[in-house]
N, C-alpha and C. Protein backbone atom coordinates (compact mmCIF):
# COMPACT_ATOMS: atom_id res chain seq x y z
N UNK A 1 102.49 111.21 92.18
CA UNK A 1 103.01 111.39 93.14
C UNK A 1 104.38 111.99 93.19
N UNK A 2 104.71 113.09 93.88
CA UNK A 2 106.07 113.54 93.97
C UNK A 2 106.46 113.39 95.42
N UNK A 3 107.69 112.95 95.82
CA UNK A 3 108.26 112.95 97.03
C UNK A 3 109.46 113.71 97.25
N UNK A 4 109.46 114.73 98.20
CA UNK A 4 110.87 115.38 98.53
C UNK A 4 111.13 115.02 99.97
N UNK A 5 112.13 115.59 100.37
CA UNK A 5 112.48 115.13 101.80
C UNK A 5 111.68 115.64 102.88
N UNK A 6 110.67 116.72 102.36
CA UNK A 6 109.86 117.35 103.26
C UNK A 6 108.45 116.95 103.15
N UNK A 7 108.08 116.50 102.01
CA UNK A 7 106.62 116.23 101.84
C UNK A 7 106.26 115.55 100.57
N UNK A 8 105.15 115.02 100.81
CA UNK A 8 104.59 114.29 99.22
C UNK A 8 103.57 115.14 98.72
N UNK A 9 103.44 115.09 97.41
CA UNK A 9 102.63 115.79 96.72
C UNK A 9 101.86 114.80 95.62
N UNK A 10 100.40 114.99 95.84
CA UNK A 10 99.54 114.27 95.31
C UNK A 10 98.82 115.28 94.24
N UNK A 11 99.11 114.91 93.10
CA UNK A 11 98.41 115.59 91.84
C UNK A 11 96.88 115.22 91.75
N UNK A 12 96.04 116.33 91.41
CA UNK A 12 94.67 116.06 91.44
C UNK A 12 94.21 116.96 90.16
N UNK A 13 93.23 116.29 89.24
CA UNK A 13 92.88 117.08 88.29
C UNK A 13 91.77 118.12 88.70
N UNK A 14 92.02 119.27 88.15
CA UNK A 14 91.24 120.33 88.30
C UNK A 14 91.04 120.80 89.61
N UNK A 15 91.86 120.50 90.59
CA UNK A 15 92.02 120.95 91.85
C UNK A 15 93.54 121.19 92.14
N UNK A 16 94.00 122.00 93.19
CA UNK A 16 95.24 122.28 93.74
C UNK A 16 95.90 120.77 94.20
N UNK A 17 97.08 120.56 94.04
CA UNK A 17 97.58 119.25 94.65
C UNK A 17 97.61 119.18 96.19
N UNK A 18 97.60 117.91 96.67
CA UNK A 18 97.66 117.88 98.11
C UNK A 18 98.95 117.63 98.55
N UNK A 19 99.63 118.53 99.44
CA UNK A 19 100.77 118.45 99.93
C UNK A 19 100.89 117.96 101.50
N UNK A 20 101.56 117.16 101.67
CA UNK A 20 101.76 116.47 103.23
C UNK A 20 102.86 115.69 103.49
N UNK A 21 103.00 115.71 104.70
CA UNK A 21 104.10 114.60 105.31
C UNK A 21 103.25 113.38 105.55
N UNK A 22 103.94 112.36 105.19
CA UNK A 22 103.46 111.01 105.41
C UNK A 22 104.09 109.93 104.75
N UNK A 23 103.79 108.56 105.10
CA UNK A 23 104.29 107.48 104.68
C UNK A 23 103.19 106.81 103.82
N UNK A 24 103.91 106.03 102.74
CA UNK A 24 102.84 105.10 101.92
C UNK A 24 102.65 103.85 102.65
N UNK A 25 101.44 103.61 102.75
CA UNK A 25 100.97 102.44 103.46
C UNK A 25 100.75 101.22 102.37
N UNK A 26 100.27 101.62 101.47
CA UNK A 26 99.77 100.47 100.39
C UNK A 26 99.82 101.13 99.01
N UNK A 27 100.19 100.46 97.94
CA UNK A 27 99.85 100.89 96.67
C UNK A 27 99.81 99.91 95.64
N UNK A 28 99.00 99.98 94.61
CA UNK A 28 98.98 98.88 93.46
C UNK A 28 98.45 99.65 92.36
N UNK A 29 98.90 98.85 91.12
CA UNK A 29 98.70 99.29 89.80
C UNK A 29 97.97 98.12 89.15
N UNK A 30 97.29 98.43 88.09
CA UNK A 30 96.56 97.42 87.27
C UNK A 30 97.30 97.42 85.97
N UNK A 31 98.40 98.20 85.60
CA UNK A 31 98.97 98.40 84.38
C UNK A 31 99.57 96.97 83.99
N UNK A 32 99.40 96.74 82.81
CA UNK A 32 99.85 95.62 82.11
C UNK A 32 99.66 95.76 80.63
N UNK A 33 100.24 94.96 79.83
CA UNK A 33 99.98 95.10 78.40
C UNK A 33 98.35 94.74 78.03
N UNK A 34 97.96 95.51 77.13
CA UNK A 34 96.47 95.16 76.77
C UNK A 34 95.54 96.22 76.99
N UNK A 35 94.99 96.48 78.09
CA UNK A 35 93.90 97.33 78.33
C UNK A 35 94.29 98.60 77.96
N UNK A 36 93.31 99.34 77.55
CA UNK A 36 93.32 100.82 77.06
C UNK A 36 93.36 101.77 78.19
N UNK A 37 93.17 101.37 79.28
CA UNK A 37 93.31 102.05 80.48
C UNK A 37 93.73 101.30 81.78
N UNK A 38 94.49 102.06 82.67
CA UNK A 38 94.66 101.39 83.92
C UNK A 38 94.69 102.35 85.14
N UNK A 39 94.61 101.87 86.35
CA UNK A 39 94.59 102.69 87.61
C UNK A 39 95.77 102.40 88.56
N UNK A 40 96.14 103.31 89.17
CA UNK A 40 97.16 103.05 90.19
C UNK A 40 96.51 103.88 91.41
N UNK A 41 96.46 103.05 92.53
CA UNK A 41 95.67 103.46 93.88
C UNK A 41 96.97 103.36 94.88
N UNK A 42 96.99 104.40 95.86
CA UNK A 42 98.00 104.30 96.92
C UNK A 42 97.15 105.12 98.28
N UNK A 43 97.48 104.64 99.35
CA UNK A 43 97.24 105.15 100.56
C UNK A 43 98.32 105.62 101.26
N UNK A 44 98.17 106.81 101.91
CA UNK A 44 99.36 107.32 102.87
C UNK A 44 98.85 107.76 104.03
N UNK A 45 99.69 107.62 105.13
CA UNK A 45 99.34 107.80 106.38
C UNK A 45 99.97 109.03 106.76
N UNK A 46 99.33 109.91 107.40
CA UNK A 46 100.11 111.10 108.01
C UNK A 46 100.35 111.01 109.43
N UNK A 47 101.56 111.65 109.79
CA UNK A 47 102.13 111.22 111.09
C UNK A 47 101.28 111.74 112.20
N UNK A 48 100.51 112.89 112.11
CA UNK A 48 99.61 113.40 112.95
C UNK A 48 98.13 112.87 112.89
N UNK A 49 98.06 111.99 112.17
CA UNK A 49 96.65 111.33 112.00
C UNK A 49 96.19 111.68 110.57
N UNK A 50 95.37 110.76 110.13
CA UNK A 50 94.60 110.89 108.95
C UNK A 50 95.37 110.15 107.85
N UNK A 51 94.84 110.15 106.74
CA UNK A 51 95.09 109.44 105.53
C UNK A 51 94.89 110.14 104.33
N UNK A 52 95.59 109.90 103.26
CA UNK A 52 95.36 110.56 102.02
C UNK A 52 95.35 109.39 100.96
N UNK A 53 94.28 109.44 100.16
CA UNK A 53 94.00 108.37 99.24
C UNK A 53 94.23 108.91 97.76
N UNK A 54 94.90 108.21 97.01
CA UNK A 54 95.37 108.65 95.75
C UNK A 54 94.96 107.58 94.69
N UNK A 55 94.09 108.14 93.60
CA UNK A 55 93.65 107.35 92.50
C UNK A 55 94.15 108.00 91.23
N UNK A 56 94.80 107.35 90.45
CA UNK A 56 95.23 107.74 89.18
C UNK A 56 94.62 106.84 88.06
N UNK A 57 94.08 107.59 86.97
CA UNK A 57 93.44 106.80 85.93
C UNK A 57 94.14 107.15 84.64
N UNK A 58 94.88 106.19 84.15
CA UNK A 58 95.75 106.61 82.82
C UNK A 58 95.01 106.08 81.71
N UNK A 59 94.99 106.67 80.67
CA UNK A 59 94.32 106.21 79.51
C UNK A 59 95.20 106.35 78.13
N UNK A 60 95.47 105.28 77.32
CA UNK A 60 96.25 105.24 76.20
C UNK A 60 95.75 106.10 75.24
N UNK A 61 94.45 106.43 74.96
CA UNK A 61 93.90 107.34 73.89
C UNK A 61 94.15 108.81 74.19
N UNK A 62 94.72 109.58 73.25
CA UNK A 62 95.00 110.99 73.42
C UNK A 62 93.67 111.64 73.61
N UNK A 63 92.57 111.05 73.07
CA UNK A 63 91.18 111.58 73.23
C UNK A 63 90.61 111.57 74.53
N UNK A 64 91.09 110.81 75.52
CA UNK A 64 90.64 110.59 76.85
C UNK A 64 91.69 111.14 77.70
N UNK A 65 91.68 112.28 78.29
CA UNK A 65 92.92 112.46 79.35
C UNK A 65 92.80 111.72 80.67
N UNK A 66 94.01 111.59 81.24
CA UNK A 66 94.44 110.95 82.44
C UNK A 66 93.71 111.70 83.60
N UNK A 67 93.18 111.01 84.74
CA UNK A 67 92.49 111.64 85.70
C UNK A 67 93.32 111.43 86.90
N UNK A 68 93.35 112.35 87.92
CA UNK A 68 94.17 112.00 89.27
C UNK A 68 93.17 112.57 90.18
N UNK A 69 92.90 111.73 91.22
CA UNK A 69 92.16 112.03 92.35
C UNK A 69 92.98 111.97 93.80
N UNK A 70 92.92 112.84 94.67
CA UNK A 70 93.48 112.70 95.96
C UNK A 70 92.53 113.42 97.05
N UNK A 71 92.35 112.49 97.93
CA UNK A 71 91.39 112.73 99.09
C UNK A 71 91.93 112.58 100.39
N UNK A 72 91.61 113.48 101.32
CA UNK A 72 91.90 113.30 102.72
C UNK A 72 90.84 112.51 103.56
N UNK A 73 91.22 111.60 104.34
CA UNK A 73 90.26 110.91 105.10
C UNK A 73 90.81 110.80 106.56
N UNK A 74 89.83 110.68 107.45
CA UNK A 74 90.23 110.96 108.98
C UNK A 74 90.69 109.50 109.60
N UNK A 75 90.27 108.39 109.16
CA UNK A 75 90.63 107.24 109.49
C UNK A 75 90.43 106.17 108.47
N UNK A 76 90.87 104.75 108.98
CA UNK A 76 90.68 103.81 107.89
C UNK A 76 89.29 103.42 107.33
N UNK A 77 88.36 103.55 108.23
CA UNK A 77 86.99 103.49 107.91
C UNK A 77 86.54 104.32 106.68
N UNK A 78 86.79 105.48 106.68
CA UNK A 78 86.56 106.71 105.50
C UNK A 78 87.44 106.20 104.28
N UNK A 79 88.61 105.68 104.56
CA UNK A 79 89.46 105.28 103.30
C UNK A 79 88.75 104.00 102.59
N UNK A 80 88.46 103.17 103.59
CA UNK A 80 87.50 101.87 102.91
C UNK A 80 86.44 102.36 102.28
N UNK A 81 85.55 103.30 102.91
CA UNK A 81 84.40 103.79 102.24
C UNK A 81 84.59 104.53 100.83
N UNK A 82 85.56 105.38 100.99
CA UNK A 82 86.09 106.04 99.72
C UNK A 82 86.39 105.09 98.50
N UNK A 83 87.15 104.11 98.67
CA UNK A 83 87.72 103.19 97.84
C UNK A 83 86.30 102.25 97.29
N UNK A 84 85.66 101.92 98.33
CA UNK A 84 84.74 100.97 97.92
C UNK A 84 83.43 101.57 97.30
N UNK A 85 83.29 102.80 97.27
CA UNK A 85 82.27 103.60 96.75
C UNK A 85 82.77 104.34 95.34
N UNK A 86 84.10 104.06 95.23
CA UNK A 86 84.51 105.11 93.94
C UNK A 86 83.81 104.83 92.73
N UNK A 87 83.64 105.87 91.91
CA UNK A 87 82.65 105.69 90.68
C UNK A 87 83.78 105.89 89.62
N UNK A 88 84.18 104.89 88.98
CA UNK A 88 85.13 104.92 87.61
C UNK A 88 84.51 105.65 86.58
N UNK A 89 83.15 105.78 86.63
CA UNK A 89 82.45 106.49 85.53
C UNK A 89 82.85 107.94 85.50
N UNK A 90 83.33 108.58 86.55
CA UNK A 90 84.07 109.99 86.75
C UNK A 90 85.16 110.00 85.92
N UNK A 91 86.05 108.97 85.77
CA UNK A 91 87.22 108.86 84.97
C UNK A 91 87.06 108.78 83.55
N UNK A 92 85.78 108.50 83.20
CA UNK A 92 85.50 108.29 81.68
C UNK A 92 84.91 109.54 81.08
N UNK A 93 85.27 109.93 79.90
CA UNK A 93 84.83 111.04 79.17
C UNK A 93 83.70 110.40 78.30
N UNK A 94 82.58 110.97 78.50
CA UNK A 94 81.40 110.71 77.46
C UNK A 94 81.42 111.20 76.24
N UNK A 95 82.02 110.65 75.28
CA UNK A 95 82.29 111.25 74.03
C UNK A 95 81.27 110.89 73.02
N UNK A 96 80.05 110.56 73.42
CA UNK A 96 79.01 110.14 72.38
C UNK A 96 78.75 111.41 71.62
N UNK A 97 78.77 111.33 70.28
CA UNK A 97 78.42 112.23 69.28
C UNK A 97 77.11 111.93 68.77
N UNK A 98 76.07 112.84 69.25
CA UNK A 98 74.84 112.47 68.70
C UNK A 98 74.33 114.04 68.04
N UNK A 99 73.59 113.67 67.03
CA UNK A 99 72.92 114.74 66.28
C UNK A 99 71.48 114.39 66.01
N UNK A 100 70.72 115.29 65.47
CA UNK A 100 69.21 115.13 65.12
C UNK A 100 69.22 113.96 64.20
N UNK A 101 70.18 113.75 63.20
CA UNK A 101 70.10 112.91 62.43
C UNK A 101 70.81 111.43 62.84
N UNK A 102 71.09 111.38 64.13
CA UNK A 102 71.67 110.09 64.45
C UNK A 102 70.70 108.92 64.37
N UNK A 103 71.05 107.95 63.85
CA UNK A 103 70.01 106.60 63.78
C UNK A 103 70.01 105.95 65.18
N UNK A 104 68.87 105.17 65.39
CA UNK A 104 69.06 104.37 66.54
C UNK A 104 70.09 103.52 66.66
N UNK A 105 70.41 102.88 65.56
CA UNK A 105 71.48 101.84 65.48
C UNK A 105 72.88 102.47 65.97
N UNK A 106 73.12 103.78 65.41
CA UNK A 106 74.20 104.62 65.80
C UNK A 106 74.22 104.76 67.20
N UNK A 107 73.14 105.24 67.83
CA UNK A 107 73.21 105.29 69.31
C UNK A 107 73.38 104.16 70.01
N UNK A 108 72.88 103.07 69.63
CA UNK A 108 73.16 101.85 70.33
C UNK A 108 74.52 101.41 70.28
N UNK A 109 75.16 101.57 69.19
CA UNK A 109 76.67 101.36 69.05
C UNK A 109 77.55 102.19 70.02
N UNK A 110 77.05 103.46 70.11
CA UNK A 110 77.93 104.47 70.90
C UNK A 110 77.74 104.20 72.36
N UNK A 111 76.36 103.79 72.70
CA UNK A 111 76.06 103.16 74.19
C UNK A 111 76.91 101.92 74.37
N UNK A 112 76.98 101.06 73.48
CA UNK A 112 77.66 99.91 73.75
C UNK A 112 79.22 100.16 74.12
N UNK A 113 79.75 101.10 73.14
CA UNK A 113 81.07 101.32 73.46
C UNK A 113 81.28 102.16 74.74
N UNK A 114 80.53 102.92 75.13
CA UNK A 114 80.44 103.56 76.62
C UNK A 114 80.46 102.44 77.58
N UNK A 115 79.61 101.51 77.32
CA UNK A 115 79.54 100.44 78.27
C UNK A 115 80.75 99.43 78.46
N UNK A 116 81.14 99.11 77.12
CA UNK A 116 82.51 98.44 77.03
C UNK A 116 83.77 99.15 77.82
N UNK A 117 83.82 100.53 77.70
CA UNK A 117 84.97 101.23 78.50
C UNK A 117 84.57 101.23 79.79
N UNK A 118 83.24 101.33 80.31
CA UNK A 118 82.94 101.30 81.73
C UNK A 118 83.37 99.86 82.27
N UNK A 119 82.86 98.92 81.62
CA UNK A 119 83.29 97.78 82.11
C UNK A 119 84.76 97.38 82.45
N UNK A 120 85.57 97.77 81.47
CA UNK A 120 87.18 97.77 81.43
C UNK A 120 87.46 98.60 82.65
N UNK A 121 86.96 99.73 82.76
CA UNK A 121 87.37 100.70 83.96
C UNK A 121 87.06 99.98 85.25
N UNK A 122 85.92 99.44 85.52
CA UNK A 122 85.55 98.70 86.67
C UNK A 122 86.44 97.63 86.98
N UNK A 123 86.73 96.84 86.09
CA UNK A 123 87.69 95.65 86.03
C UNK A 123 89.18 96.17 86.56
N UNK A 124 89.78 97.18 85.97
CA UNK A 124 90.89 97.67 86.23
C UNK A 124 91.11 98.36 87.62
N UNK A 125 90.07 98.96 87.91
CA UNK A 125 90.13 99.58 89.36
C UNK A 125 90.08 98.52 90.32
N UNK A 126 89.34 97.67 90.15
CA UNK A 126 89.20 96.52 91.11
C UNK A 126 90.52 95.82 91.28
N UNK A 127 91.34 95.66 90.03
CA UNK A 127 92.59 94.99 90.20
C UNK A 127 93.45 95.75 90.85
N UNK A 128 93.51 97.23 90.95
CA UNK A 128 94.35 97.97 91.64
C UNK A 128 93.91 98.23 93.16
N UNK A 129 92.73 98.50 93.29
CA UNK A 129 92.04 98.70 94.56
C UNK A 129 92.07 97.57 95.48
N UNK A 130 91.69 96.37 94.96
CA UNK A 130 91.47 95.30 96.02
C UNK A 130 92.68 94.90 96.79
N UNK A 131 94.05 94.84 96.22
CA UNK A 131 95.22 94.61 97.15
C UNK A 131 95.28 95.54 98.16
N UNK A 132 95.04 96.97 97.82
CA UNK A 132 95.23 98.00 98.68
C UNK A 132 94.11 97.99 99.96
N UNK A 133 92.83 97.63 99.62
CA UNK A 133 91.90 97.26 100.51
C UNK A 133 92.10 96.32 101.50
N UNK A 134 92.84 95.14 100.99
CA UNK A 134 93.08 93.91 101.89
C UNK A 134 94.41 94.31 102.69
N UNK A 135 95.16 95.23 102.15
CA UNK A 135 96.34 95.49 103.16
C UNK A 135 95.90 96.44 104.35
N UNK A 136 94.86 97.35 103.82
CA UNK A 136 94.45 98.19 104.93
C UNK A 136 93.56 97.48 105.85
N UNK A 137 92.77 96.50 105.52
CA UNK A 137 91.98 95.68 106.35
C UNK A 137 93.00 94.85 107.45
N UNK A 138 94.16 94.54 106.92
CA UNK A 138 95.36 93.79 107.78
C UNK A 138 95.77 94.57 108.84
N UNK A 139 96.00 95.82 108.30
CA UNK A 139 96.59 96.99 109.23
C UNK A 139 95.74 97.35 110.17
N UNK A 140 94.36 97.24 110.05
CA UNK A 140 93.25 97.80 111.04
C UNK A 140 92.24 96.74 110.90
N UNK A 141 92.35 95.62 111.43
CA UNK A 141 91.17 94.39 111.35
C UNK A 141 89.89 94.94 111.94
N UNK A 142 89.78 96.11 112.79
CA UNK A 142 88.53 96.43 113.20
C UNK A 142 87.56 96.86 112.25
N UNK A 143 88.17 97.31 111.08
CA UNK A 143 87.44 97.98 109.84
C UNK A 143 87.22 96.73 109.00
């Protein structure tokens, strides 16, 4: 995210960035020593109504690119639904290398590695998203 005196810019992978006026309501990161990937989650409120949700997935491995998601939501209920339904699988590259000669054991190991990475991603997203969700519920207890 870039902030200028006029607007905020939220970077998005494979899409144009979102540029808007607004204030950050809540943000959190799961970054700490150890995990091979981490998330940053932020929610911004636009002065004329609506919200922008920003999810960043950073990965230590050069083989796995970072991913940036930004979406616009009309209300807190939509923000909560987006974060609660977020699929971290979209942030992971499926880099299983199979050939006609791949053994069952090799395929099983590749599957286990992908499941391991998925479990880490789910945990790290929850670490970043849960405090943001809790803060939003406090701001708008009706949802």
